[in-house]
Structure formats: structure tokens, C-alpha cells
Amino acid sequence: MNKRLTDEELRNIDGGFSLTGSIINAFVDGVKTIRDLGRSLGSSIRRLKDKKLCAIS
């Protein structure tokens, strides 16, 4: 029972990708995480280079 859709019916099909607030928030959180990792890595490299490390007790 394969019903063929007409051209008009095919044009009226809705659906697909929709940009929601959840997707935007997840993307922004991902960018913030990458930025924070970069800052941490940069700070670590600078502290190692300048030999300004905290003493381990």
C-alpha cells in the first residue's frame, strides 16, 4: 500500500531543522568551555615559563 504524494502535497510538508533556545545555549556553553580551557592552558604555560609556581606541601 504505497501511496504516492502529489507535487502539491510534497510542497506542503513541514519539518526539518529548527534552531531552539536549547541548541543555542548548548553551543554557547561549548564555546565558553573551550575559551576557559584556553585561558587555563595559557596561564599554566605563562606560569611555567616565568617559574612562578606554587609550592607543593
C-alpha atoms as a PDB file:
ATOM      1  CA  MET A   1       0.000   0.000   0.000  1.00  0.00           C
ATOM      2  CA  ASN A   2       2.424   2.653  -1.248  1.00  0.00           C
ATOM      3  CA  LYS A   3       0.558   5.901  -1.788  1.00  0.00           C
ATOM      4  CA  ARG A   4       2.359   8.409  -3.998  1.00  0.00           C
ATOM      5  CA  LEU A   5       2.191  12.025  -2.873  1.00  0.00           C
ATOM      6  CA  THR A   6       1.252  14.686  -5.354  1.00  0.00           C
ATOM      7  CA  ASP A   7       3.517  17.637  -6.056  1.00  0.00           C
ATOM      8  CA  GLU A   8       1.175  19.880  -4.058  1.00  0.00           C
ATOM      9  CA  GLU A   9       1.310  17.548  -1.039  1.00  0.00           C
ATOM     10  CA  LEU A  10       5.102  17.415  -1.233  1.00  0.00           C
ATOM     11  CA  ARG A  11       5.312  21.226  -1.206  1.00  0.00           C
ATOM     12  CA  ASN A  12       3.168  21.381   1.949  1.00  0.00           C
ATOM     13  CA  ILE A  13       5.370  19.084   4.051  1.00  0.00           C
ATOM     14  CA  ASP A  14       6.792  20.925   7.060  1.00  0.00           C
ATOM     15  CA  GLY A  15       9.690  19.787   9.171  1.00  0.00           C
ATOM     16  CA  GLY A  16      13.429  19.763   9.367  1.00  0.00           C
ATOM     17  CA  PHE A  17      15.916  21.677  11.447  1.00  0.00           C
ATOM     18  CA  SER A  18      14.729  24.269  13.904  1.00  0.00           C
ATOM     19  CA  LEU A  19      17.052  26.447  15.949  1.00  0.00           C
ATOM     20  CA  THR A  20      15.833  26.368  19.530  1.00  0.00           C
ATOM     21  CA  GLY A  21      16.999  28.079  22.679  1.00  0.00           C
ATOM     22  CA  SER A  22      18.389  24.795  23.997  1.00  0.00           C
ATOM     23  CA  ILE A  23      20.609  24.334  20.959  1.00  0.00           C
ATOM     24  CA  ILE A  24      21.858  27.925  21.168  1.00  0.00           C
ATOM     25  CA  ASN A  25      22.604  27.581  24.901  1.00  0.00           C
ATOM     26  CA  ALA A  26      24.483  24.320  24.348  1.00  0.00           C
ATOM     27  CA  PHE A  27      26.595  25.948  21.631  1.00  0.00           C
ATOM     28  CA  VAL A  28      27.359  28.990  23.804  1.00  0.00           C
ATOM     29  CA  ASP A  29      28.296  26.739  26.742  1.00  0.00           C
ATOM     30  CA  GLY A  30      30.635  24.776  24.479  1.00  0.00           C
ATOM     31  CA  VAL A  31      32.333  27.962  23.292  1.00  0.00           C
ATOM     32  CA  LYS A  32      32.705  29.172  26.887  1.00  0.00           C
ATOM     33  CA  THR A  33      34.240  25.844  27.905  1.00  0.00           C
ATOM     34  CA  ILE A  34      36.776  25.976  25.067  1.00  0.00           C
ATOM     35  CA  ARG A  35      37.608  29.595  25.973  1.00  0.00           C
ATOM     36  CA  ASP A  36      38.111  28.696  29.642  1.00  0.00           C
ATOM     37  CA  LEU A  37      40.338  25.755  28.724  1.00  0.00           C
ATOM     38  CA  GLY A  38      42.431  28.076  26.556  1.00  0.00           C
ATOM     39  CA  ARG A  39      42.774  30.583  29.382  1.00  0.00           C
ATOM     40  CA  SER A  40      43.800  27.876  31.835  1.00  0.00           C
ATOM     41  CA  LEU A  41      46.325  26.431  29.424  1.00  0.00           C
ATOM     42  CA  GLY A  42      47.730  29.883  28.641  1.00  0.00           C
ATOM     43  CA  SER A  43      48.049  30.724  32.328  1.00  0.00           C
ATOM     44  CA  SER A  44      49.799  27.421  33.015  1.00  0.00           C
ATOM     45  CA  ILE A  45      52.267  27.954  30.191  1.00  0.00           C
ATOM     46  CA  ARG A  46      52.982  31.523  31.349  1.00  0.00           C
ATOM     47  CA  ARG A  47      53.496  30.405  34.964  1.00  0.00           C
ATOM     48  CA  LEU A  48      55.834  27.602  33.875  1.00  0.00           C
ATOM     49  CA  LYS A  49      57.803  29.964  31.623  1.00  0.00           C
ATOM     50  CA  ASP A  50      58.121  32.635  34.333  1.00  0.00           C
ATOM     51  CA  LYS A  51      58.843  29.979  37.002  1.00  0.00           C
ATOM     52  CA  LYS A  52      56.063  31.335  39.228  1.00  0.00           C
ATOM     53  CA  LEU A  53      54.671  28.082  40.543  1.00  0.00           C
ATOM     54  CA  CYS A  54      53.019  27.431  43.900  1.00  0.00           C
ATOM     55  CA  ALA A  55      54.989  25.309  46.321  1.00  0.00           C
ATOM     56  CA  ILE A  56      53.625  21.802  46.827  1.00  0.00           C
ATOM     57  CA  SER A  57      53.191  20.993  50.504  1.00  0.00           C
END
